[in-house]
């Protein structure tokens, strides 16, 4: 993969006119979700720059950082991606004081960037230099940025020593040699560009150096499921069961196992896991009032919608029974219930659950409208 990303960087160095190929472009993926059409292409150039960024690349890095700021601002699920962090690291490495405004745009892009994009990025040109530059500017966001850079006593929130330590930490996070990367980094990168074969090879390489403890098996389950290897993910999840040392942990583990078995197509194994989940829930006080209980009911309906024949009917009957014991089912569960009922030909329950789903949607819309109206009401 590295040869391909290096070639892409060489192309981008030929002409700024090509950079538009890397711009943020709102699109929808195969599942209908909002996405950035060019996120993978932009990521490839960022990866190449990590291992080979030159003084003359500063304008390209700045362009990429601008696109990441736009992407994070428009992302429907918020988030702070590794590519955004990498763009910020590369931009900070140039230590250009005027880039404080671009770091600010990334920082304030969404809730997650505000919390997770390090303040040190804004001080990258130096603590004193940055504060003086912002104080003397006529930028529209001058006061907001100063309020972020300085504490209540007017002192910089980051010291020169802390900035130096941060730079060292960032270099450790983004090594200059591809061989120095954690294999899981390459797993994520391969998934982003759609190279599942490489992702699996890197995942196997990572597992070769790990003990099969709970933390490792948790990562393995997640990664295998993301690669569509649901049967293997289920096997890893079964290994994790030994680490569940409370009724809550057991119920959660069995619910996760049921979902993996369902996606692997072993619907009877999924039903068995859900029975064990329900048994474990008996040891959780007030289980029907908590999120885990609602997730258990959702998995029952999902299994009813995936299974066939008598098994689907039996699982739906159990799901319907359990649903009546769990108040406040969210819309996603009610939708799964309506779809499962329709699949088994139970029109009465399909209509009932669809009505409940529509009522919940109306309730949410009303609450959102009221919240917006309250927010927009002028204060006297």
Protein backbone atom coordinates (compact mmCIF):
# COMPACT_ATOMS: atom_id res chain seq x y z
CA UNK A 1 0.00 0.00 0.00
CA UNK A 2 2.86 2.40 0.73
CA UNK A 3 3.95 2.46 -2.89
CA UNK A 4 0.48 3.55 -3.94
CA UNK A 5 0.29 6.33 -1.36
CA UNK A 6 3.77 7.58 -2.27
CA UNK A 7 2.74 7.79 -5.92
CA UNK A 8 -0.31 9.81 -4.92
CA UNK A 9 1.86 12.28 -3.02
CA UNK A 10 4.18 12.63 -6.01
CA UNK A 11 1.14 13.50 -8.13
CA UNK A 12 -0.05 16.13 -5.68
CA UNK A 13 3.38 17.73 -5.62
CA UNK A 14 3.19 18.25 -9.37
CA UNK A 15 0.42 20.86 -9.32
CA UNK A 16 -1.89 22.54 -6.78
CA UNK A 17 -4.62 22.18 -9.40
CA UNK A 18 -4.78 18.48 -8.48
CA UNK A 19 -5.49 19.18 -4.83
CA UNK A 20 -9.21 19.58 -5.57
CA UNK A 21 -9.31 15.80 -5.88
CA UNK A 22 -8.73 15.71 -2.11
CA UNK A 23 -11.38 18.24 -1.08
CA UNK A 24 -14.19 17.48 1.33
CA UNK A 25 -17.19 16.44 -0.75
CA UNK A 26 -20.47 15.50 0.88
CA UNK A 27 -21.87 12.22 -0.43
CA UNK A 28 -23.80 9.14 0.71
CA UNK A 29 -22.32 5.68 1.10
CA UNK A 30 -23.87 2.38 0.05
CA UNK A 31 -25.99 2.28 3.21
CA UNK A 32 -27.32 5.78 2.64
CA UNK A 33 -25.25 7.48 5.33
CA UNK A 34 -23.65 10.88 4.83
CA UNK A 35 -19.93 10.58 4.16
CA UNK A 36 -16.95 12.37 2.62
CA UNK A 37 -16.45 11.10 -0.92
CA UNK A 38 -12.72 11.85 -0.85
CA UNK A 39 -11.79 10.83 2.68
CA UNK A 40 -9.71 7.83 1.58
CA UNK A 41 -7.84 9.71 -1.15
CA UNK A 42 -7.01 12.51 1.25
CA UNK A 43 -5.91 10.01 3.87
CA UNK A 44 -3.44 8.38 1.48
CA UNK A 45 -1.67 11.69 0.87
CA UNK A 46 -1.59 12.43 4.61
CA UNK A 47 -0.03 9.01 5.30
CA UNK A 48 2.63 9.63 2.68
CA UNK A 49 3.37 13.06 4.13
CA UNK A 50 3.79 11.56 7.58
CA UNK A 51 6.88 9.75 6.35
CA UNK A 52 8.07 12.42 3.92
CA UNK A 53 6.91 15.99 4.51
CA UNK A 54 9.22 18.70 3.23
CA UNK A 55 9.37 22.47 3.72
CA UNK A 56 7.85 22.99 0.29
CA UNK A 57 4.82 20.88 1.27
CA UNK A 58 3.47 23.43 3.73
CA UNK A 59 0.79 24.75 1.36
CA UNK A 60 -0.39 21.21 0.59
CA UNK A 61 -0.52 20.34 4.29
CA UNK A 62 -2.47 23.52 4.97
CA UNK A 63 -4.97 22.63 2.24
CA UNK A 64 -5.40 19.14 3.67
CA UNK A 65 -5.89 20.52 7.17
CA UNK A 66 -8.57 22.89 5.85
CA UNK A 67 -10.42 19.96 4.29
CA UNK A 68 -10.18 17.98 7.53
CA UNK A 69 -11.63 20.94 9.43
CA UNK A 70 -14.52 21.06 6.98
CA UNK A 71 -15.02 17.30 7.16
CA UNK A 72 -15.11 17.29 10.98
CA UNK A 73 -17.49 20.26 10.98
CA UNK A 74 -19.90 18.55 8.57
CA UNK A 75 -19.59 15.00 9.97
CA UNK A 76 -23.07 13.90 11.12
CA UNK A 77 -21.64 11.79 13.94
CA UNK A 78 -19.06 14.35 15.10
CA UNK A 79 -15.79 12.56 15.79
CA UNK A 80 -12.06 13.23 15.66
CA UNK A 81 -10.39 10.93 13.15
CA UNK A 82 -6.76 9.82 13.10
CA UNK A 83 -6.41 11.58 9.75
CA UNK A 84 -7.51 14.88 11.31
CA UNK A 85 -4.99 14.37 14.11
CA UNK A 86 -2.30 13.59 11.55
CA UNK A 87 -3.12 16.72 9.53
CA UNK A 88 -2.90 18.76 12.72
CA UNK A 89 0.45 17.20 13.64
CA UNK A 90 1.91 17.88 10.18
CA UNK A 91 0.67 21.46 10.20
CA UNK A 92 2.00 22.05 13.73
CA UNK A 93 5.40 20.73 12.71
CA UNK A 94 5.86 23.74 10.42
CA UNK A 95 5.45 26.08 13.41
CA UNK A 96 3.85 28.87 11.38
CA UNK A 97 2.18 31.30 13.77
CA UNK A 98 -0.55 32.30 11.28
CA UNK A 99 -1.76 28.69 11.30
CA UNK A 100 -3.22 29.27 14.76
CA UNK A 101 -6.49 30.19 13.02
CA UNK A 102 -6.61 26.92 11.10
CA UNK A 103 -5.89 24.92 14.25
CA UNK A 104 -8.71 26.90 15.85
CA UNK A 105 -11.08 25.87 13.03
CA UNK A 106 -10.26 22.23 13.64
CA UNK A 107 -10.53 22.63 17.41
CA UNK A 108 -14.03 24.10 17.24
CA UNK A 109 -15.31 21.89 14.42
CA UNK A 110 -17.46 19.71 16.70
CA UNK A 111 -17.85 18.48 20.26
CA UNK A 112 -15.25 15.72 19.88
CA UNK A 113 -12.60 17.94 18.32
CA UNK A 114 -13.19 20.52 21.03
CA UNK A 115 -12.51 17.89 23.66
CA UNK A 116 -9.85 15.84 21.86
CA UNK A 117 -7.85 18.11 19.55
CA UNK A 118 -4.94 19.15 21.75
CA UNK A 119 -4.67 22.81 22.70
CA UNK A 120 -0.93 22.54 22.04
CA UNK A 121 -1.67 22.59 18.31
CA UNK A 122 -2.62 26.26 18.62
CA UNK A 123 0.66 27.04 20.42
CA UNK A 124 2.76 25.19 17.82
CA UNK A 125 4.73 28.29 16.76
CA UNK A 126 5.73 28.94 20.36
CA UNK A 127 3.84 30.02 23.46
CA UNK A 128 4.86 33.66 23.62
CA UNK A 129 4.88 34.10 19.85
CA UNK A 130 1.36 32.75 19.50
CA UNK A 131 -0.15 34.81 22.30
CA UNK A 132 1.46 38.01 20.98
CA UNK A 133 0.34 37.29 17.42
CA UNK A 134 -3.29 36.70 18.41
CA UNK A 135 -3.36 39.75 20.73
CA UNK A 136 -2.15 42.04 17.95
CA UNK A 137 -4.43 40.63 15.25
CA UNK A 138 -7.69 42.01 13.97
CA UNK A 139 -9.13 38.58 13.33
CA UNK A 140 -12.84 38.16 14.00
CA UNK A 141 -12.11 35.29 16.40
CA UNK A 142 -9.32 37.06 18.25
CA UNK A 143 -11.12 37.26 21.60
CA UNK A 144 -12.44 33.70 21.42
CA UNK A 145 -8.99 32.31 20.68
CA UNK A 146 -7.37 34.39 23.42
CA UNK A 147 -9.98 33.05 25.82
CA UNK A 148 -8.86 29.56 24.89
CA UNK A 149 -5.13 30.27 25.03
CA UNK A 150 -5.13 32.14 28.35
CA UNK A 151 -6.50 31.33 31.79
CA UNK A 152 -8.45 33.68 34.06
CA UNK A 153 -5.21 35.34 35.21
CA UNK A 154 -4.10 35.99 31.63
CA UNK A 155 -1.43 33.28 31.70
CA UNK A 156 -0.88 30.85 28.83
CA UNK A 157 -2.56 27.52 29.52
CA UNK A 158 0.45 25.67 28.07
CA UNK A 159 4.07 26.22 29.14
CA UNK A 160 7.10 25.98 26.88
CA UNK A 161 8.13 22.78 28.66
CA UNK A 162 4.70 21.23 28.20
CA UNK A 163 4.76 22.18 24.53
CA UNK A 164 8.13 20.48 24.06
CA UNK A 165 6.86 17.32 25.78
CA UNK A 166 3.78 17.35 23.58
CA UNK A 167 5.86 17.60 20.42
CA UNK A 168 7.88 14.59 21.52
CA UNK A 169 4.70 12.65 22.25
CA UNK A 170 3.28 13.52 18.85
CA UNK A 171 6.39 12.27 17.11
CA UNK A 172 6.01 8.98 18.94
CA UNK A 173 2.39 8.77 17.79
CA UNK A 174 3.32 9.48 14.19
CA UNK A 175 6.66 7.72 13.50
CA UNK A 176 8.70 8.69 10.47
CA UNK A 177 9.19 5.06 9.40
CA UNK A 178 6.18 2.97 8.27
CA UNK A 179 7.79 -0.04 9.94
CA UNK A 180 7.45 1.73 13.28
CA UNK A 181 3.65 1.79 13.14
CA UNK A 182 1.52 -0.45 15.30
CA UNK A 183 -0.05 -3.15 13.08
CA UNK A 184 -3.49 -1.99 14.24
CA UNK A 185 -2.78 1.36 12.57
CA UNK A 186 -2.36 -0.46 9.27
CA UNK A 187 -5.52 -2.46 9.97
CA UNK A 188 -7.51 0.76 10.26
CA UNK A 189 -5.83 2.30 7.23
CA UNK A 190 -6.43 -0.78 5.11
CA UNK A 191 -10.11 -0.78 6.12
CA UNK A 192 -10.43 2.88 5.16
CA UNK A 193 -9.15 2.24 1.62
CA UNK A 194 -11.13 -0.99 1.29
CA UNK A 195 -8.17 -3.43 1.31
CA UNK A 196 -9.62 -6.17 3.50
CA UNK A 197 -6.87 -8.60 2.65
CA UNK A 198 -4.19 -6.29 3.99
CA UNK A 199 -6.34 -5.48 7.02
CA UNK A 200 -6.63 -9.17 7.85
CA UNK A 201 -2.91 -9.82 7.40
CA UNK A 202 -2.03 -6.93 9.69
CA UNK A 203 -4.59 -8.08 12.24
CA UNK A 204 -3.06 -11.57 12.23
CA UNK A 205 0.40 -10.02 12.60
CA UNK A 206 -0.79 -8.00 15.59
CA UNK A 207 -2.39 -11.04 17.22
CA UNK A 208 0.87 -12.97 16.84
CA UNK A 209 2.47 -10.83 19.52
CA UNK A 210 -0.45 -10.62 21.95
CA UNK A 211 -1.64 -12.70 24.88
CA UNK A 212 -5.25 -13.80 24.46
CA UNK A 213 -6.52 -11.82 27.44
CA UNK A 214 -9.80 -9.94 27.71
CA UNK A 215 -8.46 -6.67 26.30
CA UNK A 216 -6.85 -8.38 23.31
CA UNK A 217 -9.91 -10.52 22.60
CA UNK A 218 -12.12 -7.43 22.78
CA UNK A 219 -10.06 -5.73 20.07
CA UNK A 220 -10.00 -8.93 18.03
CA UNK A 221 -13.80 -9.26 18.18
CA UNK A 222 -14.27 -5.69 17.05
CA UNK A 223 -11.80 -5.95 14.19
CA UNK A 224 -13.01 -9.33 12.93
CA UNK A 225 -16.61 -8.12 12.96
CA UNK A 226 -15.60 -4.97 11.06
CA UNK A 227 -14.02 -7.23 8.42
CA UNK A 228 -17.16 -9.35 8.16
CA UNK A 229 -15.55 -12.42 9.78
CA UNK A 230 -18.49 -12.87 12.14
CA UNK A 231 -17.99 -16.57 12.89
CA UNK A 232 -14.40 -15.95 13.98
CA UNK A 233 -15.50 -12.90 15.95
CA UNK A 234 -18.09 -15.07 17.71
CA UNK A 235 -15.40 -17.60 18.60
CA UNK A 236 -13.26 -14.85 20.12
CA UNK A 237 -16.31 -13.55 21.99
CA UNK A 238 -16.93 -17.03 23.42
CA UNK A 239 -13.36 -16.99 24.73
CA UNK A 240 -14.15 -13.70 26.47
CA UNK A 241 -16.99 -15.22 28.46
CA UNK A 242 -14.54 -16.52 31.06
CA UNK A 243 -13.71 -12.91 31.99
CA UNK A 244 -17.35 -11.98 32.73
CA UNK A 245 -17.40 -11.93 36.53
CA UNK A 246 -20.78 -10.34 37.26
CA UNK A 247 -24.36 -10.81 36.03
CA UNK A 248 -24.14 -7.52 34.14
CA UNK A 249 -20.90 -8.49 32.39
CA UNK A 250 -22.29 -11.94 31.56
CA UNK A 251 -25.50 -10.53 30.13
CA UNK A 252 -23.59 -8.00 28.06
CA UNK A 253 -21.15 -10.66 26.80
CA UNK A 254 -23.95 -13.05 25.78
CA UNK A 255 -25.86 -10.28 24.02
CA UNK A 256 -22.74 -9.41 22.02
CA UNK A 257 -22.21 -13.08 21.22
CA UNK A 258 -25.81 -13.39 20.02
CA UNK A 259 -25.33 -10.49 17.62
CA UNK A 260 -22.18 -12.01 16.16
CA UNK A 261 -23.80 -15.44 15.79
CA UNK A 262 -26.78 -13.82 14.08
CA UNK A 263 -24.54 -12.01 11.61
CA UNK A 264 -22.59 -15.23 11.04
CA UNK A 265 -25.86 -16.94 10.11
CA UNK A 266 -25.96 -19.36 13.03
CA UNK A 267 -29.39 -18.35 14.27
CA UNK A 268 -29.84 -21.24 16.70
CA UNK A 269 -26.55 -20.41 18.40
CA UNK A 270 -27.72 -16.79 18.58
CA UNK A 271 -30.95 -17.90 20.26
CA UNK A 272 -29.01 -19.99 22.77
CA UNK A 273 -26.83 -16.97 23.60
CA UNK A 274 -29.91 -14.80 24.13
CA UNK A 275 -31.39 -17.38 26.50
CA UNK A 276 -28.18 -17.23 28.55
CA UNK A 277 -28.31 -13.43 28.36
CA UNK A 278 -31.83 -13.44 29.78
CA UNK A 279 -30.78 -15.80 32.56
CA UNK A 280 -27.89 -13.48 33.49
CA UNK A 281 -30.23 -10.46 33.48
CA UNK A 282 -32.14 -12.04 36.37
CA UNK A 283 -29.13 -11.12 38.49
CA UNK A 284 -29.18 -7.46 37.39
CA UNK A 285 -31.50 -5.37 39.62
CA UNK A 286 -33.99 -3.42 37.55
CA UNK A 287 -32.61 -4.78 34.28
CA UNK A 288 -35.75 -3.84 32.36
CA UNK A 289 -35.15 -0.15 33.15
CA UNK A 290 -31.58 0.08 31.84
CA UNK A 291 -30.01 0.27 28.42
CA UNK A 292 -28.69 -3.28 28.52
CA UNK A 293 -32.25 -4.57 28.87
CA UNK A 294 -33.39 -2.57 25.85
CA UNK A 295 -30.40 -3.83 23.85
CA UNK A 296 -31.33 -7.41 24.76
CA UNK A 297 -34.87 -6.88 23.44
CA UNK A 298 -33.50 -5.26 20.28
CA UNK A 299 -31.25 -8.26 19.62
CA UNK A 300 -34.25 -10.57 20.01
CA UNK A 301 -36.17 -8.64 17.36
CA UNK A 302 -33.15 -8.51 15.05
CA UNK A 303 -32.79 -12.27 15.33
CA UNK A 304 -36.50 -12.75 14.66
CA UNK A 305 -36.08 -10.67 11.52
CA UNK A 306 -33.04 -12.66 10.38
CA UNK A 307 -34.19 -16.22 11.15
CA UNK A 308 -36.60 -18.30 9.10
CA UNK A 309 -39.71 -20.38 9.65
CA UNK A 310 -40.63 -21.71 13.06
CA UNK A 311 -37.47 -20.36 14.66
CA UNK A 312 -38.29 -16.80 13.56
CA UNK A 313 -41.84 -17.12 14.91
CA UNK A 314 -40.64 -18.50 18.26
CA UNK A 315 -38.01 -15.79 18.68
CA UNK A 316 -40.51 -13.07 17.77
CA UNK A 317 -42.96 -14.40 20.36
CA UNK A 318 -40.24 -14.23 23.00
CA UNK A 319 -39.18 -10.77 21.85
CA UNK A 320 -42.75 -9.51 21.99
CA UNK A 321 -43.18 -10.96 25.46
CA UNK A 322 -39.97 -9.36 26.77
CA UNK A 323 -40.76 -6.03 25.06
CA UNK A 324 -43.94 -5.70 27.10
CA UNK A 325 -41.78 -5.83 30.25
CA UNK A 326 -39.37 -3.10 29.13
CA UNK A 327 -40.71 0.47 29.13
CA UNK A 328 -39.39 3.27 26.97
CA UNK A 329 -38.19 1.20 24.02
CA UNK A 330 -36.31 3.51 21.63
CA UNK A 331 -37.32 3.99 18.03
CA UNK A 332 -34.57 1.71 16.69
CA UNK A 333 -36.01 -1.21 18.69
CA UNK A 334 -39.59 -0.45 17.66
CA UNK A 335 -38.51 -0.29 14.02
CA UNK A 336 -36.76 -3.67 14.32
CA UNK A 337 -39.92 -5.08 15.93
CA UNK A 338 -42.16 -3.82 13.13
CA UNK A 339 -39.83 -5.23 10.47
CA UNK A 340 -39.59 -8.62 12.21
CA UNK A 341 -43.37 -8.84 12.60
CA UNK A 342 -43.84 -8.03 8.94
CA UNK A 343 -41.31 -10.66 7.92
CA UNK A 344 -43.12 -13.48 9.73
CA UNK A 345 -46.48 -12.28 8.42
CA UNK A 346 -47.85 -10.98 11.72
CA UNK A 347 -49.64 -7.94 10.30
CA UNK A 348 -51.37 -7.06 13.58
CA UNK A 349 -48.10 -6.71 15.48
CA UNK A 350 -46.39 -5.12 12.49
CA UNK A 351 -49.02 -2.36 12.50
CA UNK A 352 -48.91 -2.02 16.30
CA UNK A 353 -45.15 -1.64 16.44
CA UNK A 354 -45.14 0.72 13.48
CA UNK A 355 -47.67 2.93 15.26
CA UNK A 356 -45.48 2.92 18.37
CA UNK A 357 -42.47 3.78 16.20
CA UNK A 358 -44.34 6.66 14.54
CA UNK A 359 -45.48 7.96 17.93
CA UNK A 360 -41.91 7.91 19.22
CA UNK A 361 -40.71 9.76 16.13
CA UNK A 362 -43.40 12.41 16.68
CA UNK A 363 -42.41 12.73 20.34
CA UNK A 364 -38.76 13.25 19.39
CA UNK A 365 -39.63 15.80 16.69
CA UNK A 366 -41.76 17.76 19.15
CA UNK A 367 -39.03 17.74 21.79
CA UNK A 368 -36.42 18.90 19.27
CA UNK A 369 -38.69 21.69 18.02
CA UNK A 370 -39.37 22.86 21.56
CA UNK A 371 -35.66 22.82 22.39
CA UNK A 372 -34.86 24.86 19.30
CA UNK A 373 -37.64 27.30 20.06
CA UNK A 374 -36.35 27.76 23.59
CA UNK A 375 -32.81 28.27 22.32
CA UNK A 376 -33.89 30.84 19.72
CA UNK A 377 -36.14 32.85 22.07
CA UNK A 378 -34.54 36.28 22.64
CA UNK A 379 -33.62 37.03 26.19
CA UNK A 380 -34.80 40.29 27.71
